[in-house]
Amino acid sequence: MPYAFTEQGVAMLSGLLNSDTAIDTNIKIMRAFVAVRQLVYNPVINEVKELQNAVKELKQYVEDIFVDQNYINEDTGMQLELINESLAELQIKHKGVITDDSRIRVGYTASQYREKDTE
């Protein structure tokens, strides 16, 4: 003999029982079956678990951004270092080639005017 009723068994029992108490109890049992069926087909969403998953995804996203930022900083630092080295090499090369004495002066000087005036 089974220890539990099925939904159909409760429906059949309601046809046999005619008292107000039996009808009220039968309605409550049928509503319980409907509620259980809805829970089975449409499970309650665990909001706390969803929030935990969302926070976990957000943490991972932020960590990924920081990792990318560090890579960018390292790359930029290396590029700036290479630029500084190149500029230093260019300064050394140009320092030896061009001096003030080796340039040909362009324009007039005061000494040129004085020489013409004295002649």
N, C-alpha and C. Protein backbone atom coordinates (compact mmCIF):
# COMPACT_ATOMS: atom_id res chain seq x y z
N MET A 1 0.86 -1.17 0.00
CA MET A 1 0.00 0.00 0.00
C MET A 1 0.90 1.24 0.00
N PRO A 2 0.65 2.18 -0.94
CA PRO A 2 1.49 3.38 -1.03
C PRO A 2 1.23 4.34 0.12
N TYR A 3 2.26 5.10 0.48
CA TYR A 3 2.14 6.08 1.56
C TYR A 3 1.90 7.50 1.05
N ALA A 4 1.74 7.68 -0.25
CA ALA A 4 1.52 9.01 -0.80
C ALA A 4 0.48 8.95 -1.90
N PHE A 5 -0.19 10.06 -2.10
CA PHE A 5 -1.18 10.18 -3.16
C PHE A 5 -0.55 10.84 -4.38
N THR A 6 -1.07 10.50 -5.52
CA THR A 6 -0.72 11.26 -6.71
C THR A 6 -1.77 12.33 -6.90
N GLU A 7 -1.51 13.24 -7.82
CA GLU A 7 -2.47 14.31 -8.08
C GLU A 7 -3.78 13.73 -8.61
N GLN A 8 -3.67 12.73 -9.45
CA GLN A 8 -4.89 12.10 -9.98
C GLN A 8 -5.65 11.36 -8.89
N GLY A 9 -4.92 10.75 -7.97
CA GLY A 9 -5.58 10.05 -6.86
C GLY A 9 -6.35 11.02 -5.97
N VAL A 10 -5.81 12.18 -5.73
CA VAL A 10 -6.49 13.18 -4.92
C VAL A 10 -7.73 13.67 -5.66
N ALA A 11 -7.63 13.83 -6.98
CA ALA A 11 -8.79 14.26 -7.76
C ALA A 11 -9.90 13.21 -7.70
N MET A 12 -9.55 11.94 -7.76
CA MET A 12 -10.56 10.89 -7.67
C MET A 12 -11.18 10.85 -6.28
N LEU A 13 -10.37 11.08 -5.25
CA LEU A 13 -10.87 11.07 -3.87
C LEU A 13 -11.86 12.21 -3.64
N SER A 14 -11.65 13.34 -4.32
CA SER A 14 -12.55 14.47 -4.13
C SER A 14 -13.95 14.16 -4.65
N GLY A 15 -14.05 13.24 -5.59
CA GLY A 15 -15.37 12.85 -6.08
C GLY A 15 -16.13 12.00 -5.08
N LEU A 16 -15.44 11.34 -4.17
CA LEU A 16 -16.09 10.47 -3.20
C LEU A 16 -16.43 11.20 -1.89
N LEU A 17 -15.62 12.18 -1.52
CA LEU A 17 -15.84 12.86 -0.25
C LEU A 17 -16.73 14.07 -0.45
N ASN A 18 -17.74 14.24 0.45
CA ASN A 18 -18.70 15.32 0.29
C ASN A 18 -18.70 16.30 1.45
N SER A 19 -17.90 16.11 2.46
CA SER A 19 -17.95 17.03 3.60
C SER A 19 -17.14 18.30 3.28
N ASP A 20 -17.47 19.37 4.00
CA ASP A 20 -16.78 20.65 3.78
C ASP A 20 -15.30 20.54 4.13
N THR A 21 -15.00 19.81 5.19
CA THR A 21 -13.61 19.64 5.61
C THR A 21 -12.83 18.87 4.55
N ALA A 22 -13.42 17.83 4.00
CA ALA A 22 -12.75 17.02 2.98
C ALA A 22 -12.51 17.85 1.71
N ILE A 23 -13.49 18.67 1.36
CA ILE A 23 -13.35 19.49 0.14
C ILE A 23 -12.25 20.53 0.34
N ASP A 24 -12.24 21.20 1.51
CA ASP A 24 -11.20 22.19 1.78
C ASP A 24 -9.80 21.56 1.79
N THR A 25 -9.70 20.40 2.41
CA THR A 25 -8.43 19.69 2.46
C THR A 25 -8.00 19.27 1.07
N ASN A 26 -8.96 18.79 0.28
CA ASN A 26 -8.66 18.36 -1.08
C ASN A 26 -8.16 19.56 -1.92
N ILE A 27 -8.80 20.72 -1.75
CA ILE A 27 -8.38 21.92 -2.49
C ILE A 27 -6.95 22.29 -2.09
N LYS A 28 -6.64 22.24 -0.80
CA LYS A 28 -5.30 22.58 -0.34
C LYS A 28 -4.26 21.60 -0.89
N ILE A 29 -4.63 20.31 -0.92
CA ILE A 29 -3.69 19.30 -1.44
C ILE A 29 -3.46 19.54 -2.94
N MET A 30 -4.54 19.83 -3.68
CA MET A 30 -4.41 20.08 -5.13
C MET A 30 -3.54 21.32 -5.37
N ARG A 31 -3.72 22.36 -4.56
CA ARG A 31 -2.89 23.56 -4.70
C ARG A 31 -1.43 23.25 -4.40
N ALA A 32 -1.19 22.38 -3.43
CA ALA A 32 0.17 21.97 -3.11
C ALA A 32 0.80 21.24 -4.31
N PHE A 33 0.02 20.35 -4.95
CA PHE A 33 0.53 19.66 -6.14
C PHE A 33 0.86 20.66 -7.25
N VAL A 34 -0.01 21.66 -7.45
CA VAL A 34 0.23 22.67 -8.48
C VAL A 34 1.49 23.46 -8.15
N ALA A 35 1.67 23.83 -6.89
CA ALA A 35 2.85 24.59 -6.48
C ALA A 35 4.12 23.78 -6.70
N VAL A 36 4.07 22.49 -6.35
CA VAL A 36 5.25 21.64 -6.54
C VAL A 36 5.56 21.50 -8.02
N ARG A 37 4.52 21.34 -8.85
CA ARG A 37 4.72 21.22 -10.30
C ARG A 37 5.36 22.50 -10.85
N GLN A 38 4.90 23.66 -10.38
CA GLN A 38 5.49 24.93 -10.85
C GLN A 38 6.95 25.05 -10.42
N LEU A 39 7.27 24.60 -9.22
CA LEU A 39 8.66 24.65 -8.77
C LEU A 39 9.55 23.73 -9.61
N VAL A 40 8.99 22.58 -10.00
CA VAL A 40 9.77 21.64 -10.81
C VAL A 40 10.02 22.22 -12.20
N TYR A 41 8.97 22.76 -12.81
CA TYR A 41 9.11 23.28 -14.18
C TYR A 41 9.78 24.65 -14.23
N ASN A 42 9.56 25.48 -13.24
CA ASN A 42 10.14 26.82 -13.17
C ASN A 42 10.87 26.97 -11.85
N PRO A 43 12.11 26.51 -11.76
CA PRO A 43 12.81 26.58 -10.48
C PRO A 43 13.03 28.03 -10.05
N VAL A 44 13.01 28.25 -8.77
CA VAL A 44 13.24 29.57 -8.21
C VAL A 44 14.70 29.94 -8.45
N ILE A 45 14.91 31.14 -8.93
CA ILE A 45 16.26 31.59 -9.21
C ILE A 45 16.90 32.03 -7.89
N ASN A 46 18.05 31.47 -7.66
CA ASN A 46 18.76 31.81 -6.43
C ASN A 46 19.52 33.12 -6.67
N GLU A 47 18.96 34.21 -6.16
CA GLU A 47 19.52 35.53 -6.42
C GLU A 47 20.89 35.70 -5.80
N VAL A 48 21.11 35.10 -4.65
CA VAL A 48 22.42 35.23 -4.00
C VAL A 48 23.48 34.56 -4.86
N LYS A 49 23.16 33.39 -5.40
CA LYS A 49 24.12 32.69 -6.25
C LYS A 49 24.39 33.49 -7.52
N GLU A 50 23.36 34.11 -8.07
CA GLU A 50 23.54 34.94 -9.26
C GLU A 50 24.45 36.13 -8.95
N LEU A 51 24.22 36.77 -7.81
CA LEU A 51 25.06 37.91 -7.42
C LEU A 51 26.51 37.47 -7.19
N GLN A 52 26.70 36.31 -6.59
CA GLN A 52 28.05 35.81 -6.38
C GLN A 52 28.74 35.58 -7.72
N ASN A 53 28.03 35.00 -8.68
CA ASN A 53 28.61 34.77 -10.00
C ASN A 53 28.92 36.09 -10.70
N ALA A 54 28.02 37.07 -10.57
CA ALA A 54 28.24 38.37 -11.20
C ALA A 54 29.47 39.06 -10.60
N VAL A 55 29.62 38.99 -9.28
CA VAL A 55 30.78 39.60 -8.62
C VAL A 55 32.06 38.89 -9.05
N LYS A 56 32.00 37.57 -9.16
CA LYS A 56 33.17 36.80 -9.58
C LYS A 56 33.58 37.19 -11.01
N GLU A 57 32.60 37.32 -11.91
CA GLU A 57 32.89 37.73 -13.28
C GLU A 57 33.46 39.15 -13.32
N LEU A 58 32.92 40.03 -12.50
CA LEU A 58 33.40 41.41 -12.45
C LEU A 58 34.84 41.47 -11.94
N LYS A 59 35.15 40.68 -10.91
CA LYS A 59 36.52 40.63 -10.40
C LYS A 59 37.48 40.15 -11.48
N GLN A 60 37.10 39.13 -12.21
CA GLN A 60 37.95 38.60 -13.28
C GLN A 60 38.16 39.65 -14.36
N TYR A 61 37.10 40.38 -14.70
CA TYR A 61 37.18 41.43 -15.72
C TYR A 61 38.15 42.53 -15.29
N VAL A 62 38.05 42.95 -14.02
CA VAL A 62 38.93 44.00 -13.50
C VAL A 62 40.38 43.52 -13.49
N GLU A 63 40.61 42.28 -13.08
CA GLU A 63 41.97 41.73 -13.08
C GLU A 63 42.54 41.70 -14.49
N ASP A 64 41.72 41.32 -15.47
CA ASP A 64 42.17 41.30 -16.86
C ASP A 64 42.55 42.70 -17.33
N ILE A 65 41.76 43.69 -16.93
CA ILE A 65 42.06 45.07 -17.33
C ILE A 65 43.39 45.53 -16.72
N PHE A 66 43.62 45.20 -15.44
CA PHE A 66 44.87 45.59 -14.80
C PHE A 66 46.06 44.89 -15.45
N VAL A 67 45.89 43.63 -15.82
CA VAL A 67 46.97 42.92 -16.49
C VAL A 67 47.29 43.59 -17.82
N ASP A 68 46.25 43.94 -18.59
CA ASP A 68 46.46 44.63 -19.86
C ASP A 68 47.14 45.98 -19.63
N GLN A 69 46.73 46.70 -18.60
CA GLN A 69 47.32 48.00 -18.28
C GLN A 69 48.80 47.85 -17.97
N ASN A 70 49.17 46.81 -17.22
CA ASN A 70 50.57 46.59 -16.89
C ASN A 70 51.38 46.29 -18.14
N TYR A 71 50.82 45.50 -19.06
CA TYR A 71 51.52 45.22 -20.31
C TYR A 71 51.73 46.50 -21.10
N ILE A 72 50.72 47.35 -21.14
CA ILE A 72 50.84 48.62 -21.87
C ILE A 72 51.92 49.48 -21.22
N ASN A 73 51.93 49.55 -19.90
CA ASN A 73 52.94 50.35 -19.19
C ASN A 73 54.34 49.83 -19.46
N GLU A 74 54.52 48.50 -19.45
CA GLU A 74 55.83 47.93 -19.72
C GLU A 74 56.26 48.23 -21.15
N ASP A 75 55.35 48.06 -22.10
CA ASP A 75 55.68 48.34 -23.50
C ASP A 75 56.01 49.81 -23.69
N THR A 76 55.24 50.69 -23.10
CA THR A 76 55.49 52.12 -23.23
C THR A 76 56.82 52.48 -22.61
N GLY A 77 57.12 51.93 -21.46
CA GLY A 77 58.40 52.19 -20.80
C GLY A 77 59.58 51.76 -21.67
N MET A 78 59.47 50.59 -22.28
CA MET A 78 60.54 50.11 -23.15
C MET A 78 60.70 51.02 -24.37
N GLN A 79 59.58 51.45 -24.95
CA GLN A 79 59.64 52.33 -26.11
C GLN A 79 60.26 53.67 -25.75
N LEU A 80 59.89 54.23 -24.61
CA LEU A 80 60.49 55.49 -24.18
C LEU A 80 61.99 55.34 -23.94
N GLU A 81 62.39 54.22 -23.38
CA GLU A 81 63.80 53.98 -23.15
C GLU A 81 64.57 53.91 -24.47
N LEU A 82 63.99 53.23 -25.47
CA LEU A 82 64.64 53.16 -26.78
C LEU A 82 64.72 54.53 -27.44
N ILE A 83 63.68 55.34 -27.29
CA ILE A 83 63.70 56.69 -27.85
C ILE A 83 64.79 57.52 -27.19
N ASN A 84 64.90 57.44 -25.87
CA ASN A 84 65.94 58.20 -25.16
C ASN A 84 67.34 57.77 -25.59
N GLU A 85 67.55 56.47 -25.76
CA GLU A 85 68.85 55.98 -26.21
C GLU A 85 69.17 56.50 -27.60
N SER A 86 68.18 56.48 -28.49
CA SER A 86 68.38 56.96 -29.86
C SER A 86 68.71 58.45 -29.87
N LEU A 87 67.99 59.21 -29.05
CA LEU A 87 68.27 60.65 -28.97
C LEU A 87 69.67 60.91 -28.43
N ALA A 88 70.09 60.15 -27.45
CA ALA A 88 71.44 60.32 -26.89
C ALA A 88 72.49 60.01 -27.95
N GLU A 89 72.29 58.95 -28.73
CA GLU A 89 73.23 58.61 -29.80
C GLU A 89 73.29 59.72 -30.85
N LEU A 90 72.13 60.27 -31.20
CA LEU A 90 72.10 61.35 -32.18
C LEU A 90 72.82 62.59 -31.67
N GLN A 91 72.68 62.90 -30.39
CA GLN A 91 73.37 64.06 -29.82
C GLN A 91 74.87 63.87 -29.88
N ILE A 92 75.32 62.67 -29.58
CA ILE A 92 76.77 62.39 -29.60
C ILE A 92 77.30 62.51 -31.02
N LYS A 93 76.58 61.97 -32.01
CA LYS A 93 77.02 62.04 -33.40
C LYS A 93 77.07 63.48 -33.89
N HIS A 94 76.07 64.27 -33.62
CA HIS A 94 76.00 65.63 -34.12
C HIS A 94 76.92 66.58 -33.36
N LYS A 95 77.25 66.26 -32.15
CA LYS A 95 78.13 67.12 -31.36
C LYS A 95 79.51 67.19 -31.99
N GLY A 96 80.01 66.08 -32.50
CA GLY A 96 81.33 66.05 -33.10
C GLY A 96 81.36 66.61 -34.51
N VAL A 97 80.27 66.62 -35.21
CA VAL A 97 80.26 67.02 -36.61
C VAL A 97 80.12 68.52 -36.75
N ILE A 98 79.18 69.12 -36.07
CA ILE A 98 78.91 70.53 -36.25
C ILE A 98 79.39 71.29 -35.02
N THR A 99 80.30 72.23 -35.26
CA THR A 99 80.77 73.10 -34.18
C THR A 99 80.53 74.54 -34.61
N ASP A 100 80.59 75.42 -33.67
CA ASP A 100 80.37 76.83 -33.98
C ASP A 100 81.48 77.40 -34.87
N ASP A 101 82.72 76.90 -34.71
CA ASP A 101 83.85 77.41 -35.49
C ASP A 101 83.77 76.99 -36.94
N SER A 102 83.22 75.83 -37.21
CA SER A 102 83.21 75.32 -38.58
C SER A 102 82.06 75.89 -39.42
N ARG A 103 81.15 76.59 -38.81
CA ARG A 103 80.02 77.15 -39.54
C ARG A 103 80.44 78.42 -40.28
N ILE A 104 79.85 78.60 -41.41
CA ILE A 104 80.04 79.84 -42.15
C ILE A 104 78.96 80.79 -41.70
N ARG A 105 79.39 81.94 -41.24
CA ARG A 105 78.44 82.91 -40.72
C ARG A 105 77.71 83.57 -41.87
N VAL A 106 76.43 83.75 -41.70
CA VAL A 106 75.61 84.39 -42.70
C VAL A 106 75.13 85.71 -42.13
N GLY A 107 75.14 86.76 -42.95
CA GLY A 107 74.65 88.04 -42.49
C GLY A 107 75.78 89.03 -42.29
N TYR A 108 75.45 90.22 -41.82
CA TYR A 108 76.42 91.29 -41.63
C TYR A 108 76.81 91.38 -40.17
N THR A 109 78.01 91.77 -39.95
CA THR A 109 78.49 92.00 -38.59
C THR A 109 78.91 93.46 -38.47
N ALA A 110 79.04 93.92 -37.29
CA ALA A 110 79.42 95.32 -37.04
C ALA A 110 80.84 95.58 -37.52
N SER A 111 81.70 94.59 -37.44
CA SER A 111 83.08 94.79 -37.87
C SER A 111 83.16 95.06 -39.36
N GLN A 112 82.27 94.48 -40.16
CA GLN A 112 82.27 94.73 -41.59
C GLN A 112 81.92 96.18 -41.87
N TYR A 113 81.01 96.75 -41.13
CA TYR A 113 80.62 98.14 -41.34
C TYR A 113 81.76 99.07 -40.96
N ARG A 114 82.46 98.76 -39.89
CA ARG A 114 83.55 99.60 -39.43
C ARG A 114 84.69 99.63 -40.43
N GLU A 115 84.95 98.46 -41.04
CA GLU A 115 86.04 98.40 -42.00
C GLU A 115 85.74 99.29 -43.21
N LYS A 116 84.46 99.31 -43.66
CA LYS A 116 84.10 100.12 -44.81
C LYS A 116 84.17 101.61 -44.46
N ASP A 117 83.81 101.97 -43.26
CA ASP A 117 83.80 103.36 -42.85
C ASP A 117 85.22 103.92 -42.74
N THR A 118 86.16 103.10 -42.33
CA THR A 118 87.54 103.57 -42.14
C THR A 118 88.28 103.67 -43.46
N GLU A 119 87.83 103.04 -44.47
CA GLU A 119 88.52 103.06 -45.77
C GLU A 119 88.32 104.29 -46.53
